[in-house]
Amino acid sequence: MLRTLSFICMSFGATVTSAQEFPITVEHAFGETTIEERPERVASVGWANHEVPLALGIVPVGFARASWGDDDGDGLLPWVIEKLDELNAEVPTLFDEGDGIDFEAVASTQPDVILAAYSGLSQSDYDTLSRIAPVIAYPEAAWTTTWRQMIRQNAAGLGMAEEGEAMVAEIEARIATARREHPELAGKTGMFVTHLDPRDLSTIGFYAAADQRVQFLTDIGMDTPQAVREASEAGKYSGRVSAERIDLFEDVDVVVTYGDQARLDELAKNPLIARFPAIARGSVVLLANDPMGTAANPTPLSIDYVLDDYLARLSAAATRGEVCRCCAPNGWQALRLFWDCCC
């Protein structure tokens, strides 16, 4: 069961004032942005950047409609709805980014600053948005911003760097607590597969070491497989390898991917995939297009909401195929495969 938010409404969500003085300058991949005075009207583009001001008690004037995990079609994820309700706020303008950034919609909200720390902005996007308002872009490369960087970069753009650091510390403490409850994940290797299509198994796509989905697995105690590290290119959030080299993934303990059981069953029949040990034994976490499906891509408000369930799924996948210490001495089924053991 998904947990409701319990810790996000802490000290860092209680105030919009800060001792930080203006003007402030924030460095990013396109150079630097100077904000002359404290922004009152905050907009955001890209994925989940609006969660930073919301967590800090600021209601944005507009942000991107949720394109993944929205199971009721309202463009909002449940933790965002909860936060808006807590702040007694109406739903702001939602930008449809299905075909790219809607610059006119962003401009119509008359923002004082545009947050885009986690996004895929091009130079052209950045230049266009900068004609509307100062833009806080990603620190290094498109779609490689971690949740920590997202908070720090966006909070800095709001003149709330200290509050951003407090938010990071609170979330890290929450993750550490959950991590201690799952020691079985320590040292296990996790790979996030982006592309396993039964109709085309010529390549295997994966999120690279720089992607925050992969880094989040590290946050919770898992390791990145050697093949993923070696195949990851600097500044790239994903990569591909030929399926003929599938033996490279022999050291993968858990695979995380998007899809359903029917697709996994179909893949398991393929003789090539049979050489991928983690998939062959069912050590797979399947994420659907629903709120839980965003678990692998952590954001400031979502982490507490989905963390426990995500860890439980990873734990179940990581222990499939292992000898069950309580069952084996009794002569029961000794392996955890596609079912749970007796305990």
Protein backbone atom coordinates (compact mmCIF):
# COMPACT_ATOMS: atom_id res chain seq x y z
CA MET A 1 0.00 0.00 0.00
CA LEU A 2 1.33 3.43 -0.88
CA ARG A 3 2.19 5.50 2.13
CA THR A 4 0.84 8.98 2.60
CA LEU A 5 3.22 11.84 3.12
CA SER A 6 4.34 12.11 6.69
CA PHE A 7 7.66 13.86 6.84
CA ILE A 8 7.60 16.33 3.96
CA CYS A 9 5.59 18.86 5.97
CA MET A 10 8.45 19.55 8.31
CA SER A 11 10.50 22.62 9.05
CA PHE A 12 11.56 23.18 5.47
CA GLY A 13 7.93 23.40 4.35
CA ALA A 14 6.88 25.93 6.93
CA THR A 15 8.23 29.19 5.61
CA VAL A 16 8.96 31.09 2.42
CA THR A 17 11.27 33.57 4.10
CA SER A 18 15.02 33.21 4.14
CA ALA A 19 18.08 35.11 5.27
CA GLN A 20 19.60 34.83 1.83
CA GLU A 21 20.01 38.24 0.22
CA PHE A 22 19.36 39.24 -3.38
CA PRO A 23 20.55 39.49 -6.04
CA ILE A 24 21.65 35.86 -6.27
CA THR A 25 23.50 34.05 -9.05
CA VAL A 26 23.07 30.37 -9.85
CA GLU A 27 25.49 28.53 -12.12
CA HIS A 28 24.22 25.86 -14.52
CA ALA A 29 25.03 24.04 -17.75
CA PHE A 30 24.20 27.07 -19.93
CA GLY A 31 26.20 29.56 -17.87
CA GLU A 32 24.71 31.43 -14.95
CA THR A 33 21.46 33.14 -14.02
CA THR A 34 21.15 36.20 -11.81
CA ILE A 35 17.89 36.89 -9.98
CA GLU A 36 17.67 40.46 -8.81
CA GLU A 37 14.94 40.10 -6.18
CA ARG A 38 13.01 37.40 -4.40
CA PRO A 39 10.67 35.74 -6.92
CA GLU A 40 7.01 35.76 -6.04
CA ARG A 41 5.62 34.02 -9.13
CA VAL A 42 7.36 30.67 -9.66
CA ALA A 43 6.87 28.44 -12.70
CA SER A 44 8.62 25.23 -13.64
CA VAL A 45 9.14 23.01 -16.68
CA GLY A 46 10.49 19.49 -16.99
CA TRP A 47 9.85 16.75 -14.45
CA ALA A 48 8.88 17.43 -10.82
CA ASN A 49 10.74 20.72 -10.38
CA HIS A 50 7.55 22.18 -8.94
CA GLU A 51 7.86 19.81 -5.98
CA VAL A 52 10.72 21.87 -4.55
CA PRO A 53 8.78 25.12 -4.09
CA LEU A 54 5.74 23.15 -2.94
CA ALA A 55 7.80 21.42 -0.27
CA LEU A 56 9.08 24.83 0.76
CA GLY A 57 5.57 26.23 1.10
CA ILE A 58 5.43 28.07 -2.23
CA VAL A 59 2.59 27.38 -4.67
CA PRO A 60 3.84 27.72 -8.26
CA VAL A 61 1.80 29.68 -10.78
CA GLY A 62 2.30 26.87 -13.30
CA PHE A 63 4.14 23.60 -13.87
CA ALA A 64 4.26 20.66 -16.26
CA ARG A 65 1.33 18.26 -16.36
CA ALA A 66 2.35 14.79 -15.15
CA SER A 67 3.07 12.67 -18.21
CA TRP A 68 3.83 9.44 -16.36
CA GLY A 69 2.20 7.82 -13.35
CA ASP A 70 -1.02 9.83 -13.63
CA ASP A 71 -3.62 7.07 -13.38
CA ASP A 72 -6.69 9.33 -13.25
CA GLY A 73 -5.84 11.77 -16.03
CA ASP A 74 -5.90 14.96 -13.96
CA GLY A 75 -2.24 15.75 -14.65
CA LEU A 76 -1.32 15.58 -10.97
CA LEU A 77 0.40 12.90 -8.92
CA PRO A 78 -1.12 12.08 -5.51
CA TRP A 79 1.67 13.60 -3.41
CA VAL A 80 1.30 16.88 -5.31
CA ILE A 81 -2.46 16.87 -4.70
CA GLU A 82 -1.86 16.28 -0.99
CA LYS A 83 0.58 19.16 -0.81
CA LEU A 84 -1.74 21.54 -2.66
CA ASP A 85 -4.54 20.57 -0.28
CA GLU A 86 -2.28 21.13 2.71
CA LEU A 87 -1.44 24.60 1.42
CA ASN A 88 -5.14 25.31 0.69
CA ALA A 89 -4.19 26.04 -2.90
CA GLU A 90 -6.05 25.72 -6.16
CA VAL A 91 -4.54 23.66 -8.96
CA PRO A 92 -2.13 25.96 -10.84
CA THR A 93 -1.86 26.20 -14.61
CA LEU A 94 -0.63 22.87 -16.00
CA PHE A 95 1.66 22.98 -19.03
CA ASP A 96 1.25 20.23 -21.61
CA GLU A 97 4.76 19.16 -22.59
CA GLY A 98 3.76 16.21 -24.75
CA ASP A 99 5.21 17.94 -27.81
CA GLY A 100 7.83 19.97 -26.00
CA ILE A 101 7.65 23.04 -23.80
CA ASP A 102 4.57 25.20 -24.29
CA PHE A 103 6.31 28.56 -24.21
CA GLU A 104 3.11 30.55 -24.63
CA ALA A 105 1.52 28.81 -21.66
CA VAL A 106 4.59 29.45 -19.53
CA ALA A 107 4.64 33.12 -20.54
CA SER A 108 0.95 33.48 -19.73
CA THR A 109 1.65 32.75 -16.05
CA GLN A 110 3.99 35.78 -15.89
CA PRO A 111 6.65 34.07 -13.77
CA ASP A 112 9.49 35.80 -11.95
CA VAL A 113 11.63 32.65 -12.23
CA ILE A 114 11.41 29.36 -14.14
CA LEU A 115 12.76 26.23 -12.43
CA ALA A 116 14.18 23.57 -14.74
CA ALA A 117 16.91 21.80 -12.75
CA TYR A 118 15.64 18.38 -13.83
CA SER A 119 14.75 18.68 -17.48
CA GLY A 120 15.91 18.13 -21.03
CA LEU A 121 16.30 21.79 -21.99
CA SER A 122 18.13 22.48 -25.23
CA GLN A 123 20.07 25.68 -25.76
CA SER A 124 17.16 26.94 -27.86
CA ASP A 125 14.68 26.07 -25.08
CA TYR A 126 16.82 27.87 -22.54
CA ASP A 127 17.17 30.96 -24.71
CA THR A 128 13.43 31.15 -25.36
CA LEU A 129 12.49 30.67 -21.71
CA SER A 130 15.08 33.25 -20.66
CA ARG A 131 13.15 35.86 -22.65
CA ILE A 132 10.20 35.14 -20.35
CA ALA A 133 11.99 35.03 -16.98
CA PRO A 134 15.31 33.99 -15.42
CA VAL A 135 15.79 30.22 -15.80
CA ILE A 136 17.39 27.82 -13.32
CA ALA A 137 18.66 25.07 -15.61
CA TYR A 138 20.28 21.74 -14.82
CA PRO A 139 23.79 21.84 -13.35
CA GLU A 140 25.54 19.47 -15.78
CA ALA A 141 23.60 17.65 -18.51
CA ALA A 142 20.02 17.00 -19.61
CA TRP A 143 18.12 14.47 -17.50
CA THR A 144 21.13 13.60 -15.33
CA THR A 145 20.19 15.74 -12.33
CA THR A 146 19.86 13.77 -9.10
CA TRP A 147 17.08 14.45 -6.62
CA ARG A 148 19.63 16.15 -4.35
CA GLN A 149 20.81 18.40 -7.15
CA MET A 150 17.22 19.14 -8.14
CA ILE A 151 16.46 20.36 -4.64
CA ARG A 152 19.67 22.35 -4.21
CA GLN A 153 19.56 23.97 -7.64
CA ASN A 154 15.90 24.94 -7.52
CA ALA A 155 16.05 26.05 -3.89
CA ALA A 156 19.04 28.25 -4.72
CA GLY A 157 16.98 29.87 -7.47
CA LEU A 158 14.33 30.71 -4.90
CA GLY A 159 16.88 32.22 -2.54
CA MET A 160 16.29 29.34 -0.13
CA ALA A 161 19.54 27.40 -0.30
CA GLU A 162 19.61 26.70 3.44
CA GLU A 163 16.07 25.37 3.41
CA GLY A 164 17.03 23.20 0.44
CA GLU A 165 19.91 21.68 2.38
CA ALA A 166 17.55 20.96 5.28
CA MET A 167 15.18 19.21 2.89
CA VAL A 168 17.99 17.05 1.52
CA ALA A 169 19.07 16.09 5.03
CA GLU A 170 15.54 15.11 6.05
CA ILE A 171 15.05 12.93 2.97
CA GLU A 172 18.46 11.31 3.42
CA ALA A 173 17.51 10.41 6.99
CA ARG A 174 14.25 8.87 5.76
CA ILE A 175 16.11 6.79 3.16
CA ALA A 176 18.70 5.69 5.73
CA THR A 177 15.95 4.44 8.04
CA ALA A 178 14.29 2.44 5.27
CA ARG A 179 17.66 1.12 4.10
CA ARG A 180 18.44 -0.30 7.54
CA GLU A 181 15.22 -2.30 7.35
CA HIS A 182 16.45 -4.07 4.20
CA PRO A 183 20.02 -5.29 4.82
CA GLU A 184 19.46 -8.00 2.19
CA LEU A 185 19.82 -5.35 -0.51
CA ALA A 186 23.32 -4.30 0.56
CA GLY A 187 25.81 -5.12 -2.17
CA LYS A 188 23.22 -6.49 -4.59
CA THR A 189 23.54 -5.15 -8.12
CA GLY A 190 20.58 -3.46 -9.76
CA MET A 191 20.10 -2.63 -13.44
CA PHE A 192 17.30 -0.49 -14.83
CA VAL A 193 16.38 -1.76 -18.29
CA THR A 194 14.68 0.75 -20.58
CA HIS A 195 14.07 -1.39 -23.63
CA LEU A 196 13.13 -5.05 -23.77
CA ASP A 197 10.69 -5.44 -26.63
CA PRO A 198 9.83 -9.04 -27.61
CA ARG A 199 9.48 -7.81 -31.20
CA ASP A 200 13.02 -6.44 -31.27
CA LEU A 201 15.66 -7.96 -29.03
CA SER A 202 18.63 -6.80 -31.08
CA THR A 203 19.69 -4.36 -28.35
CA ILE A 204 19.20 -3.97 -24.63
CA GLY A 205 18.63 -0.41 -23.45
CA PHE A 206 19.40 0.68 -19.91
CA TYR A 207 19.62 3.80 -17.79
CA ALA A 208 23.25 4.78 -17.38
CA ALA A 209 25.22 5.35 -14.21
CA ALA A 210 24.53 9.12 -14.37
CA ASP A 211 20.75 8.66 -14.36
CA GLN A 212 19.06 9.23 -11.02
CA ARG A 213 17.11 5.97 -11.27
CA VAL A 214 20.43 4.15 -11.10
CA GLN A 215 21.80 6.47 -8.44
CA PHE A 216 18.71 5.93 -6.32
CA LEU A 217 19.46 2.20 -6.28
CA THR A 218 22.84 3.18 -4.84
CA ASP A 219 21.12 5.39 -2.27
CA ILE A 220 19.24 2.38 -0.94
CA GLY A 221 22.33 0.21 -0.68
CA MET A 222 22.63 -1.51 -4.04
CA ASP A 223 25.57 -1.46 -6.45
CA THR A 224 25.74 -0.64 -10.15
CA PRO A 225 26.74 -3.66 -12.28
CA GLN A 226 30.17 -3.45 -13.87
CA ALA A 227 28.75 -3.71 -17.40
CA VAL A 228 26.47 -0.73 -16.81
CA ARG A 229 29.33 1.35 -15.42
CA GLU A 230 31.58 0.48 -18.36
CA ALA A 231 28.91 1.11 -21.00
CA SER A 232 27.79 4.44 -19.52
CA GLU A 233 28.96 7.51 -21.43
CA ALA A 234 29.72 10.76 -19.65
CA GLY A 235 26.76 13.15 -19.77
CA LYS A 236 24.36 10.47 -21.06
CA TYR A 237 21.42 9.23 -19.02
CA SER A 238 20.92 6.01 -21.02
CA GLY A 239 22.82 3.53 -23.14
CA ARG A 240 22.45 0.42 -25.27
CA VAL A 241 24.40 -2.75 -25.88
CA SER A 242 23.94 -5.44 -28.48
CA ALA A 243 21.86 -8.34 -27.23
CA GLU A 244 24.62 -10.61 -28.49
CA ARG A 245 26.62 -9.36 -25.51
CA ILE A 246 23.95 -10.30 -22.98
CA ASP A 247 26.49 -12.37 -21.06
CA LEU A 248 27.89 -9.05 -19.81
CA PHE A 249 24.97 -8.92 -17.37
CA GLU A 250 25.76 -12.12 -15.50
CA ASP A 251 26.50 -10.10 -12.35
CA VAL A 252 23.10 -8.37 -12.31
CA ASP A 253 21.08 -9.44 -9.27
CA VAL A 254 17.92 -7.39 -9.93
CA VAL A 255 16.39 -5.91 -13.06
CA VAL A 256 13.98 -2.99 -12.80
CA THR A 257 11.93 -2.16 -15.89
CA TYR A 258 8.61 -0.80 -17.09
CA GLY A 259 6.00 -3.30 -18.21
CA ASP A 260 3.70 -6.04 -16.99
CA GLN A 261 3.90 -9.75 -16.22
CA ALA A 262 2.56 -10.72 -19.64
CA ARG A 263 5.49 -9.02 -21.33
CA LEU A 264 7.95 -10.60 -18.92
CA ASP A 265 6.47 -14.06 -19.54
CA GLU A 266 6.83 -13.54 -23.28
CA LEU A 267 10.43 -12.42 -22.91
CA ALA A 268 11.28 -15.40 -20.71
CA LYS A 269 10.45 -17.73 -23.59
CA ASN A 270 13.17 -16.22 -25.74
CA PRO A 271 16.37 -18.33 -25.75
CA LEU A 272 18.49 -15.20 -25.79
CA ILE A 273 16.84 -13.76 -22.69
CA ALA A 274 17.29 -17.15 -21.02
CA ARG A 275 20.99 -16.20 -20.87
CA PHE A 276 20.12 -13.17 -18.72
CA PRO A 277 20.18 -14.82 -15.27
CA ALA A 278 18.23 -12.15 -13.36
CA ILE A 279 15.34 -12.26 -15.83
CA ALA A 280 15.46 -16.04 -16.17
CA ARG A 281 14.97 -16.55 -12.43
CA GLY A 282 12.36 -13.78 -12.13
CA SER A 283 14.46 -11.28 -10.18
CA VAL A 284 12.56 -8.44 -11.83
CA VAL A 285 10.69 -5.42 -10.50
CA LEU A 286 7.95 -4.39 -12.93
CA LEU A 287 6.74 -0.80 -12.82
CA ALA A 288 3.45 0.23 -14.42
CA ASN A 289 2.18 3.61 -15.58
CA ASP A 290 0.76 4.55 -12.19
CA PRO A 291 1.99 6.49 -9.14
CA MET A 292 4.02 3.52 -7.91
CA GLY A 293 5.62 3.40 -11.36
CA THR A 294 7.42 6.64 -10.56
CA ALA A 295 9.19 5.04 -7.58
CA ALA A 296 12.42 4.43 -9.43
CA ASN A 297 12.70 8.11 -10.41
CA PRO A 298 12.77 9.82 -7.01
CA THR A 299 11.50 13.36 -6.49
CA PRO A 300 11.29 15.50 -3.35
CA LEU A 301 7.65 14.72 -2.52
CA SER A 302 7.39 11.21 -3.96
CA ILE A 303 10.22 9.51 -2.09
CA ASP A 304 8.41 9.10 1.21
CA TYR A 305 5.20 8.16 -0.58
CA VAL A 306 6.59 5.16 -2.46
CA LEU A 307 9.88 4.26 -0.75
CA ASP A 308 8.70 1.39 1.46
CA ASP A 309 6.79 -0.34 -1.31
CA TYR A 310 9.68 0.08 -3.74
CA LEU A 311 12.14 -1.43 -1.28
CA ALA A 312 9.78 -4.34 -0.62
CA ARG A 313 9.60 -5.10 -4.34
CA LEU A 314 13.38 -4.85 -4.73
CA SER A 315 13.86 -7.13 -1.73
CA ALA A 316 11.51 -9.77 -3.12
CA ALA A 317 13.30 -9.69 -6.46
CA ALA A 318 16.77 -9.75 -4.90
CA THR A 319 16.07 -12.87 -2.83
CA ARG A 320 14.52 -15.01 -5.57
CA GLY A 321 16.73 -18.00 -6.19
CA GLU A 322 18.42 -17.79 -2.81
CA VAL A 323 18.37 -20.60 -0.28
CA CYS A 324 15.75 -19.95 2.37
CA ARG A 325 17.47 -20.58 5.70
CA CYS A 326 14.31 -21.40 7.60
CA CYS A 327 12.73 -23.67 4.98
CA ALA A 328 15.75 -25.70 3.88
CA PRO A 329 16.49 -27.35 7.26
CA ASN A 330 12.92 -28.63 7.36
CA GLY A 331 13.18 -30.28 3.96
CA TRP A 332 10.83 -27.75 2.36
CA GLN A 333 11.35 -26.00 -0.95
CA ALA A 334 14.74 -24.40 -0.51
CA LEU A 335 14.71 -21.85 -3.30
CA ARG A 336 12.82 -18.60 -3.62
CA LEU A 337 11.83 -18.51 -7.26
CA PHE A 338 8.65 -16.97 -8.64
CA TRP A 339 6.79 -17.51 -5.38
CA ASP A 340 7.31 -16.56 -1.76
CA CYS A 341 8.91 -18.98 0.65
CA CYS A 342 7.08 -20.47 3.62
CA CYS A 343 8.20 -17.67 5.93
